Amino acid sequence: MPVFAGLSLGEEGWCICAISIAQGVDVDWVFDKRPFIRLNGGQANVYRAQPRFGIWSMLLETLRKEVLDGNLELVRRGLVLYTFGNVSGIDREKGMVAIKPSGVPYEEMTPEQIVISDLDGKIVDGKLRPSSDLPTHLELYRNFPGIGGVAHTHSEYATAWAQAEKPIPCLGTTHADYFHGPVPVTARLSPSEIEGDYELGTGTAICRVFQKLDPETIPAVLVAGHAPFCWGKNAAEAAHNAVILEYVARMACHALLINAEAKPLSRELRDKHFLRKHGGNAYYGQVRR
C-alpha cells in the first residue's frame, strides 16, 4: 500500500493527505495526530498536515493578524477589562470571518487562536471556541455589505448610555466628525429573542434600527441594556470607531451635567463636519496616492 493514497493542496495552505495507518510517514510534513476522516474502517485515514519547516501560512493569516491587532487596540485604549469585548473582520471574497476566541485573555492571544467561521457560523479553522457574540457579528456582516470589521466593547460611558436606553445626541463637532447624527439605541429584546438565539436576536435588533439609517454614516449602535457595537471598513477602523464612540459618549455625559438643556448641533454644522471628512467631497487630511 502506498504511503500517499491522495494529495490535495488547499488554497490557504492546508495539505490534506490520505495515508495508511500501517506505514510511517516522514516526508518533511507535520501531521495531526488524530485522523481528520477515517476511511475503510480505519485501514486508511485522512490527516491534516503542514510543512515541517513552516513555509505554509495559516488560513487567512493577514486577516487573523489584523483582527488580533484590532482586539489589542481595545486594550491599549482602555476600553475593555479582562476578557470583555471582541473584534472581528471579514474576507468578503472568501465569505469567511475571523473573530476573537471566547474567554481568552488578551495578553495571551496569538493570531493562530483567532477563529475562522463562514457566514453561517460554521467553524472553518481554529481549535478554540469563537466569541459567544459571533452570531451578532455575522448578522451585521450579512445585512451591512459595506462593512469589513465589527467591534464590541463594554466601555464605561457608551455602555452607560446603552443601559439608560438613550441615544447619544450629537452635541458637538467631535461627534459629527464620525457619526452623522445621534448614535441610536435598539429596542429591548423580546422574551422570545432572549430565550431563543440570543446573540442572533441582538444582531436582528441592531439591523431593525438601521432599516431607515445608513450604517456607513453612523457606524455604531447601543444595544438596550447591553453595550455598544461599532463597525468600519476593516477591523482596525471598527476598533477606532469604538474608541471614538466612548470619547463622545463621555463628552455628551459631561455636557449634559453642565447644562441639562444642551441642544444638538444645527443640521448645517453637523453636516459640514461630517462631510468634510467623509464622502466624495471630503477635504480633511492628506490625499492618498
Protein backbone atom coordinates (compact mmCIF):
# COMPACT_ATOMS: atom_id res chain seq x y z
CA MET A 1 0.00 0.00 0.00
CA PRO A 2 1.46 3.39 -0.90
CA VAL A 3 2.12 5.94 1.79
CA PHE A 4 0.00 8.54 -0.04
CA ALA A 5 -3.38 7.45 -1.35
CA GLY A 6 -4.07 11.02 -2.44
CA LEU A 7 -2.75 14.54 -2.05
CA SER A 8 -4.67 17.80 -2.22
CA LEU A 9 -3.15 21.23 -1.68
CA GLY A 10 -5.64 23.71 -0.22
CA GLU A 11 -5.70 27.29 -1.45
CA GLU A 12 -4.98 28.68 2.00
CA GLY A 13 -2.12 26.38 2.89
CA TRP A 14 -3.56 23.18 4.31
CA CYS A 15 -2.42 19.92 2.80
CA ILE A 16 -4.87 17.02 3.12
CA CYS A 17 -3.19 13.64 2.77
CA ALA A 18 -4.79 10.21 2.77
CA ILE A 19 -2.21 7.87 4.33
CA SER A 20 -2.08 4.29 5.51
CA ILE A 21 -2.10 3.82 9.28
CA ALA A 22 0.16 0.81 8.77
CA GLN A 23 3.11 2.78 7.41
CA GLY A 24 5.18 5.59 8.81
CA VAL A 25 5.34 8.99 7.17
CA ASP A 26 8.46 11.10 7.06
CA VAL A 27 8.34 13.46 4.11
CA ASP A 28 9.05 16.72 5.90
CA TRP A 29 5.38 17.17 6.80
CA VAL A 30 3.93 17.55 10.29
CA PHE A 31 0.67 15.63 10.55
CA ASP A 32 -2.11 15.99 13.11
CA LYS A 33 -2.05 13.00 15.45
CA ARG A 34 -5.75 12.28 15.07
CA PRO A 35 -7.31 11.40 11.71
CA PHE A 36 -9.41 14.11 10.10
CA ILE A 37 -11.51 11.43 8.31
CA ARG A 38 -11.44 7.63 8.75
CA LEU A 39 -11.64 5.55 5.57
CA ASN A 40 -12.45 1.84 5.10
CA GLY A 41 -12.91 1.18 8.78
CA GLY A 42 -9.58 2.72 9.69
CA GLN A 43 -7.47 0.98 7.02
CA ALA A 44 -6.73 4.41 5.61
CA ASN A 45 -7.22 7.80 7.17
CA VAL A 46 -7.21 11.44 6.13
CA TYR A 47 -4.89 13.64 8.15
CA ARG A 48 -4.26 17.36 8.14
CA ALA A 49 -0.64 18.30 7.63
CA GLN A 50 1.64 21.31 7.38
CA PRO A 51 5.22 21.51 6.10
CA ARG A 52 7.74 20.81 8.85
CA PHE A 53 9.70 23.99 8.09
CA GLY A 54 6.77 26.39 8.36
CA ILE A 55 6.73 27.52 4.72
CA TRP A 56 2.96 27.19 4.63
CA SER A 57 0.90 30.07 6.03
CA MET A 58 -2.11 29.66 8.29
CA LEU A 59 -5.60 30.14 6.89
CA LEU A 60 -6.29 33.88 6.36
CA GLU A 61 -3.08 34.81 8.16
CA THR A 62 -3.22 38.52 7.30
CA LEU A 63 -6.84 38.85 8.39
CA ARG A 64 -6.12 36.99 11.63
CA LYS A 65 -3.28 39.38 12.43
CA GLU A 66 -5.46 42.41 11.65
CA VAL A 67 -8.21 41.08 13.91
CA LEU A 68 -5.75 40.36 16.71
CA ASP A 69 -4.41 43.91 16.48
CA GLY A 70 -7.95 45.31 16.49
CA ASN A 71 -8.67 43.42 19.70
CA LEU A 72 -5.42 44.63 21.25
CA GLU A 73 -6.30 48.21 20.30
CA LEU A 74 -9.29 47.96 22.62
CA VAL A 75 -6.88 47.04 25.41
CA ARG A 76 -4.39 49.78 24.54
CA ARG A 77 -7.16 52.40 24.68
CA GLY A 78 -8.63 51.14 27.94
CA LEU A 79 -11.97 50.06 26.51
CA VAL A 80 -12.03 46.52 27.88
CA LEU A 81 -11.40 44.71 31.16
CA TYR A 82 -10.15 41.13 31.45
CA THR A 83 -11.73 39.19 28.56
CA PHE A 84 -14.56 41.65 27.84
CA GLY A 85 -15.25 42.64 24.24
CA ASN A 86 -14.34 41.31 20.82
CA VAL A 87 -13.31 42.42 17.34
CA SER A 88 -13.84 40.56 14.08
CA GLY A 89 -13.00 41.06 10.42
CA ILE A 90 -14.32 39.57 7.19
CA ASP A 91 -12.84 38.41 3.91
CA ARG A 92 -15.78 39.18 1.61
CA GLU A 93 -14.28 37.33 -1.35
CA LYS A 94 -13.96 34.08 0.57
CA GLY A 95 -17.03 34.62 2.75
CA MET A 96 -15.07 33.99 5.94
CA VAL A 97 -14.97 35.84 9.25
CA ALA A 98 -12.09 35.96 11.76
CA ILE A 99 -13.03 36.63 15.38
CA LYS A 100 -11.55 36.63 18.87
CA PRO A 101 -11.76 33.31 20.73
CA SER A 102 -14.11 33.20 23.70
CA GLY A 103 -12.71 33.96 27.14
CA VAL A 104 -9.03 34.05 26.16
CA PRO A 105 -7.01 36.77 27.96
CA TYR A 106 -5.81 39.43 25.55
CA GLU A 107 -2.23 39.22 26.78
CA GLU A 108 -2.09 35.53 25.81
CA MET A 109 -3.81 35.79 22.43
CA THR A 110 -1.99 34.84 19.22
CA PRO A 111 -3.03 35.01 15.54
CA GLU A 112 -3.35 31.21 15.50
CA GLN A 113 -6.03 31.42 18.20
CA ILE A 114 -8.24 33.72 16.14
CA VAL A 115 -11.18 31.58 14.98
CA ILE A 116 -12.34 31.40 11.34
CA SER A 117 -16.04 30.96 10.58
CA ASP A 118 -18.15 31.10 7.46
CA LEU A 119 -21.15 33.43 7.25
CA ASP A 120 -23.44 30.66 8.51
CA GLY A 121 -21.44 30.26 11.70
CA LYS A 122 -19.70 27.02 10.73
CA ILE A 123 -16.17 26.90 12.12
CA VAL A 124 -13.73 26.60 9.23
CA ASP A 125 -10.48 26.75 11.20
CA GLY A 126 -9.40 27.12 14.81
CA LYS A 127 -9.17 24.89 17.85
CA LEU A 128 -10.88 27.27 20.29
CA ARG A 129 -14.47 28.35 20.64
CA PRO A 130 -15.26 31.65 18.91
CA SER A 131 -16.61 34.62 20.80
CA SER A 132 -20.14 33.99 22.01
CA ASP A 133 -21.09 37.17 20.13
CA LEU A 134 -20.21 35.60 16.76
CA PRO A 135 -23.89 35.33 15.65
CA THR A 136 -24.31 39.09 16.23
CA HIS A 137 -21.24 39.86 14.13
CA LEU A 138 -22.42 37.54 11.37
CA GLU A 139 -25.85 39.17 11.25
CA LEU A 140 -24.21 42.56 10.82
CA TYR A 141 -21.97 41.28 8.02
CA ARG A 142 -24.95 39.71 6.24
CA ASN A 143 -27.02 42.89 6.42
CA PHE A 144 -24.36 45.61 6.09
CA PRO A 145 -22.43 44.65 2.94
CA GLY A 146 -20.21 47.74 3.08
CA ILE A 147 -18.55 46.88 6.39
CA GLY A 148 -15.39 44.84 6.90
CA GLY A 149 -14.93 44.81 10.68
CA VAL A 150 -17.01 44.80 13.87
CA ALA A 151 -16.01 45.78 17.41
CA HIS A 152 -17.97 45.17 20.59
CA THR A 153 -17.00 46.60 23.96
CA HIS A 154 -18.48 47.29 27.36
CA SER A 155 -16.67 50.63 27.59
CA GLU A 156 -17.92 52.63 30.56
CA TYR A 157 -19.69 55.68 29.16
CA ALA A 158 -21.07 54.17 25.97
CA THR A 159 -22.41 51.25 27.99
CA ALA A 160 -23.99 53.65 30.48
CA TRP A 161 -25.93 55.25 27.62
CA ALA A 162 -26.98 51.77 26.45
CA GLN A 163 -28.16 50.86 29.94
CA ALA A 164 -30.07 54.14 30.17
CA GLU A 165 -31.63 53.23 26.79
CA LYS A 166 -30.89 56.70 25.44
CA PRO A 167 -29.31 57.59 22.09
CA ILE A 168 -26.15 59.67 22.30
CA PRO A 169 -27.09 63.12 20.96
CA CYS A 170 -24.82 64.93 18.52
CA LEU A 171 -23.94 67.85 20.77
CA GLY A 172 -20.64 68.85 19.22
CA THR A 173 -18.41 68.76 16.19
CA THR A 174 -16.25 65.94 17.57
CA HIS A 175 -19.29 63.70 17.45
CA ALA A 176 -20.24 64.98 13.97
CA ASP A 177 -16.76 64.21 12.63
CA TYR A 178 -17.52 60.49 13.00
CA PHE A 179 -21.28 59.98 13.36
CA HIS A 180 -23.73 61.75 11.05
CA GLY A 181 -26.36 62.15 13.74
CA PRO A 182 -27.24 60.66 17.12
CA VAL A 183 -25.89 57.20 17.91
CA PRO A 184 -29.10 55.17 18.11
CA VAL A 185 -30.23 52.67 20.70
CA THR A 186 -32.12 49.47 19.96
CA ALA A 187 -35.45 48.46 21.41
CA ARG A 188 -35.33 45.93 24.22
CA LEU A 189 -35.14 42.34 23.07
CA SER A 190 -38.37 40.40 23.44
CA PRO A 191 -38.56 37.39 25.80
CA SER A 192 -38.58 35.05 22.79
CA GLU A 193 -35.44 36.70 21.37
CA ILE A 194 -33.69 36.36 24.73
CA GLU A 195 -34.75 32.76 25.31
CA GLY A 196 -34.08 31.70 21.73
CA ASP A 197 -30.92 32.52 19.79
CA TYR A 198 -29.99 35.48 21.98
CA GLU A 199 -26.90 36.65 20.11
CA LEU A 200 -28.64 36.39 16.74
CA GLY A 201 -31.58 38.30 18.25
CA THR A 202 -29.16 41.03 19.27
CA GLY A 203 -27.95 41.34 15.69
CA THR A 204 -31.52 41.37 14.39
CA ALA A 205 -32.42 44.16 16.83
CA ILE A 206 -29.47 46.21 15.56
CA CYS A 207 -30.43 45.68 11.93
CA ARG A 208 -34.01 46.80 12.63
CA VAL A 209 -32.66 50.14 13.85
CA PHE A 210 -30.80 50.64 10.58
CA GLN A 211 -33.73 49.97 8.28
CA LYS A 212 -34.03 53.75 7.99
CA LEU A 213 -30.43 54.71 8.78
CA ASP A 214 -27.17 54.31 6.89
CA PRO A 215 -24.75 52.06 8.82
CA GLU A 216 -21.82 53.58 6.93
CA THR A 217 -22.54 57.13 8.14
CA ILE A 218 -23.46 56.10 11.69
CA PRO A 219 -21.04 53.21 12.34
CA ALA A 220 -22.22 52.42 15.86
CA VAL A 221 -25.25 51.42 17.89
CA LEU A 222 -26.16 50.97 21.53
CA VAL A 223 -27.91 47.71 22.39
CA ALA A 224 -30.51 48.48 25.07
CA GLY A 225 -29.44 47.21 28.46
CA HIS A 226 -26.27 45.77 26.98
CA ALA A 227 -23.44 47.73 25.35
CA PRO A 228 -22.21 49.24 22.07
CA PHE A 229 -21.32 47.61 18.77
CA CYS A 230 -19.27 49.53 16.20
CA TRP A 231 -18.08 48.72 12.70
CA GLY A 232 -15.91 50.01 9.88
CA LYS A 233 -14.25 49.11 6.61
CA ASN A 234 -11.92 46.72 8.48
CA ALA A 235 -11.10 45.53 11.98
CA ALA A 236 -8.79 48.48 12.66
CA GLU A 237 -11.45 51.04 11.72
CA ALA A 238 -14.09 49.22 13.77
CA ALA A 239 -11.82 49.40 16.84
CA HIS A 240 -11.04 53.06 16.06
CA ASN A 241 -14.75 53.88 15.93
CA ALA A 242 -15.26 52.11 19.26
CA VAL A 243 -12.61 54.36 20.81
CA ILE A 244 -14.22 57.50 19.38
CA LEU A 245 -17.67 56.37 20.47
CA GLU A 246 -16.51 56.07 24.07
CA TYR A 247 -14.92 59.54 23.84
CA VAL A 248 -18.06 61.26 22.53
CA ALA A 249 -20.26 59.32 24.96
CA ARG A 250 -18.18 60.68 27.83
CA MET A 251 -18.26 64.24 26.46
CA ALA A 252 -22.04 64.10 25.97
CA CYS A 253 -22.49 62.95 29.54
CA HIS A 254 -20.31 65.79 30.86
CA ALA A 255 -22.03 68.37 28.64
CA LEU A 256 -25.47 67.37 29.91
CA LEU A 257 -24.23 67.50 33.51
CA ILE A 258 -23.06 71.07 32.92
CA ASN A 259 -26.21 72.03 31.03
CA ALA A 260 -29.13 69.61 31.12
CA GLU A 261 -30.78 71.61 28.34
CA ALA A 262 -27.86 71.44 25.91
CA LYS A 263 -29.13 71.27 22.34
CA PRO A 264 -27.87 69.13 19.43
CA LEU A 265 -25.78 70.80 16.74
CA SER A 266 -27.58 72.55 13.93
CA ARG A 267 -28.02 70.36 10.85
CA GLU A 268 -25.76 72.70 8.88
CA LEU A 269 -22.84 72.44 11.30
CA ARG A 270 -23.30 68.71 11.77
CA ASP A 271 -23.32 68.14 8.01
CA LYS A 272 -20.30 70.38 7.47
CA HIS A 273 -18.14 68.48 9.91
CA PHE A 274 -19.20 65.03 8.79
CA LEU A 275 -18.97 65.70 5.07
CA ARG A 276 -15.57 67.39 5.21
CA LYS A 277 -14.17 64.05 6.43
CA HIS A 278 -16.41 61.58 4.58
CA GLY A 279 -17.79 61.18 1.08
CA GLY A 280 -16.76 62.28 -2.36
CA ASN A 281 -16.20 65.94 -1.45
CA ALA A 282 -14.20 65.33 1.74
CA TYR A 283 -11.16 67.55 2.12
CA TYR A 284 -9.88 66.74 5.63
CA GLY A 285 -6.45 65.09 5.79
CA GLN A 286 -3.99 64.28 3.04
CA VAL A 287 -4.67 62.95 -0.43
CA ARG A 288 -3.93 59.25 -0.60
CA ARG A 289 -1.84 58.34 -3.61
